[in-house]
């Protein structure tokens, strides 16, 4: 399966780049490949906190019971982008 990739530009200082280059060389990788791998590992290590899970359970319960008041997107958009 081919995944679509998005390009994002980042700006790092020379010292950070030099340190990343050393680590990439230690692993036998190119700098760009090493940075992509580090970011993938970091993103995949994300864990939801117990507090967040409890908050979401409460919100889902309220949603099912019809106790959550939603604002239509058009209304929000009109307030955000007043001309």
PDB file of N, CA and C in Angstrom:
ATOM      1  N   UNK A   1       0.845  -1.185   0.000  1.00  0.00           N
ATOM      2  CA  UNK A   1       0.000   0.000   0.000  1.00  0.00           C
ATOM      3  C   UNK A   1       0.890   1.249   0.000  1.00  0.00           C
ATOM      4  N   UNK A   2       0.651   2.146  -0.927  1.00  0.00           N
ATOM      5  CA  UNK A   2       1.424   3.380  -1.034  1.00  0.00           C
ATOM      6  C   UNK A   2       0.750   4.456  -0.198  1.00  0.00           C
ATOM      7  N   UNK A   3       1.551   5.074   0.685  1.00  0.00           N
ATOM      8  CA  UNK A   3       1.020   6.153   1.520  1.00  0.00           C
ATOM      9  C   UNK A   3       1.387   7.488   0.900  1.00  0.00           C
ATOM     10  N   UNK A   4       0.447   8.404   0.965  1.00  0.00           N
ATOM     11  CA  UNK A   4       0.715   9.755   0.487  1.00  0.00           C
ATOM     12  C   UNK A   4       1.569  10.466   1.523  1.00  0.00           C
ATOM     13  N   UNK A   5       2.591  11.155   1.078  1.00  0.00           N
ATOM     14  CA  UNK A   5       3.461  11.888   1.990  1.00  0.00           C
ATOM     15  C   UNK A   5       3.264  13.378   1.773  1.00  0.00           C
ATOM     16  N   UNK A   6       3.333  14.127   2.851  1.00  0.00           N
ATOM     17  CA  UNK A   6       3.231  15.583   2.808  1.00  0.00           C
ATOM     18  C   UNK A   6       4.588  16.171   3.136  1.00  0.00           C
ATOM     19  N   UNK A   7       4.939  17.223   2.443  1.00  0.00           N
ATOM     20  CA  UNK A   7       6.197  17.911   2.718  1.00  0.00           C
ATOM     21  C   UNK A   7       5.958  19.017   3.736  1.00  0.00           C
ATOM     22  N   UNK A   8       6.827  19.098   4.723  1.00  0.00           N
ATOM     23  CA  UNK A   8       6.783  20.158   5.718  1.00  0.00           C
ATOM     24  C   UNK A   8       8.193  20.694   5.884  1.00  0.00           C
ATOM     25  N   UNK A   9       8.319  21.982   5.886  1.00  0.00           N
ATOM     26  CA  UNK A   9       9.627  22.591   6.069  1.00  0.00           C
ATOM     27  C   UNK A   9       9.843  22.869   7.545  1.00  0.00           C
ATOM     28  N   UNK A  10      11.032  22.533   8.038  1.00  0.00           N
ATOM     29  CA  UNK A  10      11.371  22.854   9.426  1.00  0.00           C
ATOM     30  C   UNK A  10      12.697  23.608   9.434  1.00  0.00           C
ATOM     31  N   UNK A  11      12.876  24.435  10.426  1.00  0.00           N
ATOM     32  CA  UNK A  11      14.115  25.196  10.559  1.00  0.00           C
ATOM     33  C   UNK A  11      14.785  24.781  11.869  1.00  0.00           C
ATOM     34  N   UNK A  12      15.991  24.245  11.764  1.00  0.00           N
ATOM     35  CA  UNK A  12      16.749  23.826  12.932  1.00  0.00           C
ATOM     36  C   UNK A  12      18.095  24.541  12.931  1.00  0.00           C
ATOM     37  N   UNK A  13      18.613  24.789  14.126  1.00  0.00           N
ATOM     38  CA  UNK A  13      19.911  25.446  14.206  1.00  0.00           C
ATOM     39  C   UNK A  13      21.019  24.473  13.795  1.00  0.00           C
ATOM     40  N   UNK A  14      22.190  25.020  13.475  1.00  0.00           N
ATOM     41  CA  UNK A  14      23.304  24.212  12.972  1.00  0.00           C
ATOM     42  C   UNK A  14      23.752  23.139  13.959  1.00  0.00           C
ATOM     43  N   UNK A  15      23.734  23.454  15.254  1.00  0.00           N
ATOM     44  CA  UNK A  15      24.164  22.482  16.261  1.00  0.00           C
ATOM     45  C   UNK A  15      23.224  21.278  16.285  1.00  0.00           C
ATOM     46  N   UNK A  16      21.918  21.524  16.206  1.00  0.00           N
ATOM     47  CA  UNK A  16      20.946  20.431  16.200  1.00  0.00           C
ATOM     48  C   UNK A  16      21.138  19.556  14.968  1.00  0.00           C
ATOM     49  N   UNK A  17      21.329  20.182  13.820  1.00  0.00           N
ATOM     50  CA  UNK A  17      21.557  19.434  12.577  1.00  0.00           C
ATOM     51  C   UNK A  17      22.818  18.585  12.700  1.00  0.00           C
ATOM     52  N   UNK A  18      23.873  19.156  13.259  1.00  0.00           N
ATOM     53  CA  UNK A  18      25.135  18.421  13.405  1.00  0.00           C
ATOM     54  C   UNK A  18      24.956  17.203  14.308  1.00  0.00           C
ATOM     55  N   UNK A  19      24.234  17.368  15.403  1.00  0.00           N
ATOM     56  CA  UNK A  19      23.995  16.246  16.316  1.00  0.00           C
ATOM     57  C   UNK A  19      23.147  15.164  15.661  1.00  0.00           C
ATOM     58  N   UNK A  20      22.128  15.583  14.929  1.00  0.00           N
ATOM     59  CA  UNK A  20      21.292  14.617  14.221  1.00  0.00           C
ATOM     60  C   UNK A  20      22.093  13.887  13.142  1.00  0.00           C
ATOM     61  N   UNK A  21      22.989  14.603  12.476  1.00  0.00           N
ATOM     62  CA  UNK A  21      23.837  13.992  11.447  1.00  0.00           C
ATOM     63  C   UNK A  21      24.717  12.904  12.053  1.00  0.00           C
ATOM     64  N   UNK A  22      25.285  13.171  13.220  1.00  0.00           N
ATOM     65  CA  UNK A  22      26.130  12.181  13.910  1.00  0.00           C
ATOM     66  C   UNK A  22      25.313  10.943  14.250  1.00  0.00           C
ATOM     67  N   UNK A  23      24.117  11.148  14.783  1.00  0.00           N
ATOM     68  CA  UNK A  23      23.266  10.013  15.154  1.00  0.00           C
ATOM     69  C   UNK A  23      22.845   9.225  13.921  1.00  0.00           C
ATOM     70  N   UNK A  24      22.546   9.926  12.834  1.00  0.00           N
ATOM     71  CA  UNK A  24      22.157   9.255  11.592  1.00  0.00           C
ATOM     72  C   UNK A  24      23.303   8.384  11.079  1.00  0.00           C
ATOM     73  N   UNK A  25      24.513   8.919  11.102  1.00  0.00           N
ATOM     74  CA  UNK A  25      25.678   8.170  10.637  1.00  0.00           C
ATOM     75  C   UNK A  25      25.917   6.937  11.499  1.00  0.00           C
ATOM     76  N   UNK A  26      25.692   7.060  12.800  1.00  0.00           N
ATOM     77  CA  UNK A  26      25.857   5.906  13.699  1.00  0.00           C
ATOM     78  C   UNK A  26      24.900   4.774  13.343  1.00  0.00           C
ATOM     79  N   UNK A  27      23.729   5.139  12.825  1.00  0.00           N
ATOM     80  CA  UNK A  27      22.729   4.135  12.452  1.00  0.00           C
ATOM     81  C   UNK A  27      22.807   3.768  10.971  1.00  0.00           C
ATOM     82  N   UNK A  28      23.775   4.342  10.266  1.00  0.00           N
ATOM     83  CA  UNK A  28      23.949   4.033   8.858  1.00  0.00           C
ATOM     84  C   UNK A  28      22.831   4.580   7.983  1.00  0.00           C
ATOM     85  N   UNK A  29      22.284   5.717   8.366  1.00  0.00           N
ATOM     86  CA  UNK A  29      21.168   6.327   7.627  1.00  0.00           C
ATOM     87  C   UNK A  29      21.571   7.695   7.103  1.00  0.00           C
ATOM     88  N   UNK A  30      20.841   8.135   6.108  1.00  0.00           N
ATOM     89  CA  UNK A  30      20.951   9.523   5.660  1.00  0.00           C
ATOM     90  C   UNK A  30      20.213  10.388   6.672  1.00  0.00           C
ATOM     91  N   UNK A  31      20.602  11.653   6.766  1.00  0.00           N
ATOM     92  CA  UNK A  31      20.012  12.562   7.748  1.00  0.00           C
ATOM     93  C   UNK A  31      18.498  12.655   7.602  1.00  0.00           C
ATOM     94  N   UNK A  32      18.007  12.862   6.386  1.00  0.00           N
ATOM     95  CA  UNK A  32      16.562  13.007   6.163  1.00  0.00           C
ATOM     96  C   UNK A  32      15.821  11.748   6.597  1.00  0.00           C
ATOM     97  N   UNK A  33      16.352  10.590   6.218  1.00  0.00           N
ATOM     98  CA  UNK A  33      15.730   9.320   6.578  1.00  0.00           C
ATOM     99  C   UNK A  33      15.719   9.134   8.096  1.00  0.00           C
ATOM    100  N   UNK A  34      16.820   9.501   8.738  1.00  0.00           N
ATOM    101  CA  UNK A  34      16.904   9.380  10.193  1.00  0.00           C
ATOM    102  C   UNK A  34      15.880  10.286  10.875  1.00  0.00           C
ATOM    103  N   UNK A  35      15.756  11.516  10.414  1.00  0.00           N
ATOM    104  CA  UNK A  35      14.802  12.447  11.014  1.00  0.00           C
ATOM    105  C   UNK A  35      13.373  11.952  10.826  1.00  0.00           C
ATOM    106  N   UNK A  36      13.058  11.431   9.639  1.00  0.00           N
ATOM    107  CA  UNK A  36      11.721  10.872   9.404  1.00  0.00           C
ATOM    108  C   UNK A  36      11.438   9.719  10.359  1.00  0.00           C
ATOM    109  N   UNK A  37      12.425   8.839  10.554  1.00  0.00           N
ATOM    110  CA  UNK A  37      12.251   7.688  11.444  1.00  0.00           C
ATOM    111  C   UNK A  37      12.032   8.126  12.894  1.00  0.00           C
ATOM    112  N   UNK A  38      12.802   9.096  13.348  1.00  0.00           N
ATOM    113  CA  UNK A  38      12.657   9.603  14.716  1.00  0.00           C
ATOM    114  C   UNK A  38      11.263  10.192  14.921  1.00  0.00           C
ATOM    115  N   UNK A  39      10.805  10.960  13.952  1.00  0.00           N
ATOM    116  CA  UNK A  39       9.480  11.579  14.061  1.00  0.00           C
ATOM    117  C   UNK A  39       8.367  10.532  14.023  1.00  0.00           C
ATOM    118  N   UNK A  40       8.509   9.515  13.177  1.00  0.00           N
ATOM    119  CA  UNK A  40       7.515   8.433  13.133  1.00  0.00           C
ATOM    120  C   UNK A  40       7.442   7.711  14.473  1.00  0.00           C
ATOM    121  N   UNK A  41       8.610   7.382  15.043  1.00  0.00           N
ATOM    122  CA  UNK A  41       8.643   6.697  16.333  1.00  0.00           C
ATOM    123  C   UNK A  41       7.981   7.544  17.418  1.00  0.00           C
ATOM    124  N   UNK A  42       8.273   8.828  17.419  1.00  0.00           N
ATOM    125  CA  UNK A  42       7.689   9.734  18.411  1.00  0.00           C
ATOM    126  C   UNK A  42       6.177   9.805  18.251  1.00  0.00           C
ATOM    127  N   UNK A  43       5.706   9.932  17.021  1.00  0.00           N
ATOM    128  CA  UNK A  43       4.267  10.016  16.767  1.00  0.00           C
ATOM    129  C   UNK A  43       3.554   8.730  17.171  1.00  0.00           C
ATOM    130  N   UNK A  44       4.173   7.601  16.902  1.00  0.00           N
ATOM    131  CA  UNK A  44       3.547   6.312  17.217  1.00  0.00           C
ATOM    132  C   UNK A  44       3.620   5.953  18.696  1.00  0.00           C
ATOM    133  N   UNK A  45       4.433   6.665  19.470  1.00  0.00           N
ATOM    134  CA  UNK A  45       4.541   6.372  20.897  1.00  0.00           C
ATOM    135  C   UNK A  45       3.504   7.133  21.722  1.00  0.00           C
ATOM    136  N   UNK A  46       2.647   7.897  21.042  1.00  0.00           N
ATOM    137  CA  UNK A  46       1.626   8.702  21.710  1.00  0.00           C
ATOM    138  C   UNK A  46       0.683   7.803  22.508  1.00  0.00           C
ATOM    139  N   UNK A  47       0.448   8.144  23.752  1.00  0.00           N
ATOM    140  CA  UNK A  47      -0.460   7.407  24.624  1.00  0.00           C
ATOM    141  C   UNK A  47      -1.484   8.389  25.191  1.00  0.00           C
ATOM    142  N   UNK A  48      -2.751   7.987  25.156  1.00  0.00           N
ATOM    143  CA  UNK A  48      -3.789   8.824  25.754  1.00  0.00           C
ATOM    144  C   UNK A  48      -3.702   8.723  27.272  1.00  0.00           C
ATOM    145  N   UNK A  49      -3.834   9.853  27.943  1.00  0.00           N
ATOM    146  CA  UNK A  49      -3.795   9.851  29.407  1.00  0.00           C
ATOM    147  C   UNK A  49      -5.124   9.342  29.953  1.00  0.00           C
ATOM    148  N   UNK A  50      -5.096   8.854  31.174  1.00  0.00           N
ATOM    149  CA  UNK A  50      -6.324   8.395  31.826  1.00  0.00           C
ATOM    150  C   UNK A  50      -7.325   9.532  31.978  1.00  0.00           C
ATOM    151  N   UNK A  51      -6.822  10.761  32.238  1.00  0.00           N
ATOM    152  CA  UNK A  51      -7.692  11.912  32.381  1.00  0.00           C
ATOM    153  C   UNK A  51      -8.412  12.214  31.067  1.00  0.00           C
ATOM    154  N   UNK A  52      -7.675  12.123  29.954  1.00  0.00           N
ATOM    155  CA  UNK A  52      -8.277  12.385  28.642  1.00  0.00           C
ATOM    156  C   UNK A  52      -9.331  11.328  28.322  1.00  0.00           C
ATOM    157  N   UNK A  53      -9.017  10.065  28.615  1.00  0.00           N
ATOM    158  CA  UNK A  53      -9.980   8.993  28.356  1.00  0.00           C
ATOM    159  C   UNK A  53     -11.261   9.198  29.165  1.00  0.00           C
ATOM    160  N   UNK A  54     -11.121   9.577  30.439  1.00  0.00           N
ATOM    161  CA  UNK A  54     -12.289   9.814  31.289  1.00  0.00           C
ATOM    162  C   UNK A  54     -13.112  10.991  30.758  1.00  0.00           C
ATOM    163  N   UNK A  55     -12.435  12.062  30.318  1.00  0.00           N
ATOM    164  CA  UNK A  55     -13.130  13.224  29.781  1.00  0.00           C
ATOM    165  C   UNK A  55     -13.899  12.846  28.515  1.00  0.00           C
ATOM    166  N   UNK A  56     -13.277  12.059  27.640  1.00  0.00           N
ATOM    167  CA  UNK A  56     -13.942  11.644  26.405  1.00  0.00           C
ATOM    168  C   UNK A  56     -15.122  10.716  26.694  1.00  0.00           C
ATOM    169  N   UNK A  57     -14.992   9.819  27.674  1.00  0.00           N
ATOM    170  CA  UNK A  57     -16.114   8.954  28.054  1.00  0.00           C
ATOM    171  C   UNK A  57     -17.301   9.790  28.516  1.00  0.00           C
ATOM    172  N   UNK A  58     -17.016  10.822  29.309  1.00  0.00           N
ATOM    173  CA  UNK A  58     -18.065  11.715  29.791  1.00  0.00           C
ATOM    174  C   UNK A  58     -18.725  12.443  28.621  1.00  0.00           C
ATOM    175  N   UNK A  59     -17.907  12.960  27.695  1.00  0.00           N
ATOM    176  CA  UNK A  59     -18.456  13.673  26.543  1.00  0.00           C
ATOM    177  C   UNK A  59     -19.297  12.749  25.663  1.00  0.00           C
ATOM    178  N   UNK A  60     -18.854  11.525  25.451  1.00  0.00           N
ATOM    179  CA  UNK A  60     -19.618  10.579  24.641  1.00  0.00           C
ATOM    180  C   UNK A  60     -20.942  10.223  25.306  1.00  0.00           C
ATOM    181  N   UNK A  61     -20.929  10.060  26.631  1.00  0.00           N
ATOM    182  CA  UNK A  61     -22.174   9.809  27.374  1.00  0.00           C
ATOM    183  C   UNK A  61     -23.138  10.977  27.201  1.00  0.00           C
ATOM    184  N   UNK A  62     -22.619  12.198  27.381  1.00  0.00           N
ATOM    185  CA  UNK A  62     -23.467  13.391  27.233  1.00  0.00           C
ATOM    186  C   UNK A  62     -24.009  13.497  25.821  1.00  0.00           C
ATOM    187  N   UNK A  63     -23.175  13.153  24.828  1.00  0.00           N
ATOM    188  CA  UNK A  63     -23.614  13.192  23.429  1.00  0.00           C
ATOM    189  C   UNK A  63     -24.765  12.210  23.195  1.00  0.00           C
ATOM    190  N   UNK A  64     -24.598  10.997  23.696  1.00  0.00           N
ATOM    191  CA  UNK A  64     -25.641   9.975  23.522  1.00  0.00           C
ATOM    192  C   UNK A  64     -26.948  10.371  24.194  1.00  0.00           C
ATOM    193  N   UNK A  65     -26.857  11.114  25.286  1.00  0.00           N
ATOM    194  CA  UNK A  65     -28.054  11.539  26.019  1.00  0.00           C
ATOM    195  C   UNK A  65     -28.617  12.858  25.481  1.00  0.00           C
ATOM    196  N   UNK A  66     -27.959  13.427  24.474  1.00  0.00           N
ATOM    197  CA  UNK A  66     -28.428  14.685  23.888  1.00  0.00           C
ATOM    198  C   UNK A  66     -28.177  15.885  24.780  1.00  0.00           C
ATOM    199  N   UNK A  67     -27.175  15.804  25.629  1.00  0.00           N
ATOM    200  CA  UNK A  67     -26.891  16.883  26.576  1.00  0.00           C
ATOM    201  C   UNK A  67     -25.772  17.822  26.114  1.00  0.00           C
ATOM    202  N   UNK A  68     -25.281  17.624  24.908  1.00  0.00           N
ATOM    203  CA  UNK A  68     -24.203  18.468  24.400  1.00  0.00           C
ATOM    204  C   UNK A  68     -24.794  19.433  23.381  1.00  0.00           C
ATOM    205  N   UNK A  69     -24.488  20.708  23.549  1.00  0.00           N
ATOM    206  CA  UNK A  69     -24.963  21.728  22.611  1.00  0.00           C
ATOM    207  C   UNK A  69     -23.850  22.038  21.618  1.00  0.00           C
ATOM    208  N   UNK A  70     -24.113  21.754  20.352  1.00  0.00           N
ATOM    209  CA  UNK A  70     -23.141  22.023  19.305  1.00  0.00           C
ATOM    210  C   UNK A  70     -23.496  23.324  18.605  1.00  0.00           C
ATOM    211  N   UNK A  71     -22.452  24.030  18.162  1.00  0.00           N
ATOM    212  CA  UNK A  71     -22.645  25.253  17.402  1.00  0.00           C
ATOM    213  C   UNK A  71     -22.403  24.926  15.931  1.00  0.00           C
ATOM    214  N   UNK A  72     -23.344  25.276  15.056  1.00  0.00           N
ATOM    215  CA  UNK A  72     -23.150  24.998  13.631  1.00  0.00           C
ATOM    216  C   UNK A  72     -21.892  25.677  13.097  1.00  0.00           C
ATOM    217  N   UNK A  73     -21.199  24.993  12.190  1.00  0.00           N
ATOM    218  CA  UNK A  73     -19.950  25.506  11.636  1.00  0.00           C
ATOM    219  C   UNK A  73     -20.143  26.876  10.979  1.00  0.00           C
ATOM    220  N   UNK A  74     -21.235  27.078  10.277  1.00  0.00           N
ATOM    221  CA  UNK A  74     -21.466  28.371   9.628  1.00  0.00           C
ATOM    222  C   UNK A  74     -21.498  29.510  10.642  1.00  0.00           C
ATOM    223  N   UNK A  75     -22.072  29.256  11.812  1.00  0.00           N
ATOM    224  CA  UNK A  75     -22.131  30.276  12.863  1.00  0.00           C
ATOM    225  C   UNK A  75     -20.734  30.562  13.417  1.00  0.00           C
ATOM    226  N   UNK A  76     -19.984  29.528  13.654  1.00  0.00           N
ATOM    227  CA  UNK A  76     -18.617  29.699  14.162  1.00  0.00           C
ATOM    228  C   UNK A  76     -17.776  30.443  13.127  1.00  0.00           C
ATOM    229  N   UNK A  77     -17.890  30.012  11.882  1.00  0.00           N
ATOM    230  CA  UNK A  77     -17.118  30.622  10.800  1.00  0.00           C
ATOM    231  C   UNK A  77     -17.439  32.109  10.665  1.00  0.00           C
ATOM    232  N   UNK A  78     -18.728  32.462  10.791  1.00  0.00           N
ATOM    233  CA  UNK A  78     -19.101  33.867  10.657  1.00  0.00           C
ATOM    234  C   UNK A  78     -18.514  34.710  11.790  1.00  0.00           C
ATOM    235  N   UNK A  79     -18.401  34.126  12.995  1.00  0.00           N
ATOM    236  CA  UNK A  79     -17.793  34.862  14.110  1.00  0.00           C
ATOM    237  C   UNK A  79     -16.294  34.954  13.973  1.00  0.00           C
ATOM    238  N   UNK A  80     -15.656  33.914  13.462  1.00  0.00           N
ATOM    239  CA  UNK A  80     -14.205  33.918  13.315  1.00  0.00           C
ATOM    240  C   UNK A  80     -13.721  34.826  12.200  1.00  0.00           C
ATOM    241  N   UNK A  81     -14.461  34.834  11.128  1.00  0.00           N
ATOM    242  CA  UNK A  81     -14.021  35.550   9.943  1.00  0.00           C
ATOM    243  C   UNK A  81     -14.893  36.762   9.640  1.00  0.00           C
ATOM    244  N   UNK A  82     -15.178  37.552  10.677  1.00  0.00           N
ATOM    245  CA  UNK A  82     -15.983  38.763  10.471  1.00  0.00           C
ATOM    246  C   UNK A  82     -15.254  39.687   9.539  1.00  0.00           C
ATOM    247  N   UNK A  83     -16.003  40.283   8.640  1.00  0.00           N
ATOM    248  CA  UNK A  83     -15.392  41.213   7.665  1.00  0.00           C
ATOM    249  C   UNK A  83     -15.659  42.630   8.041  1.00  0.00           C
TER     250      UNK A  83
END
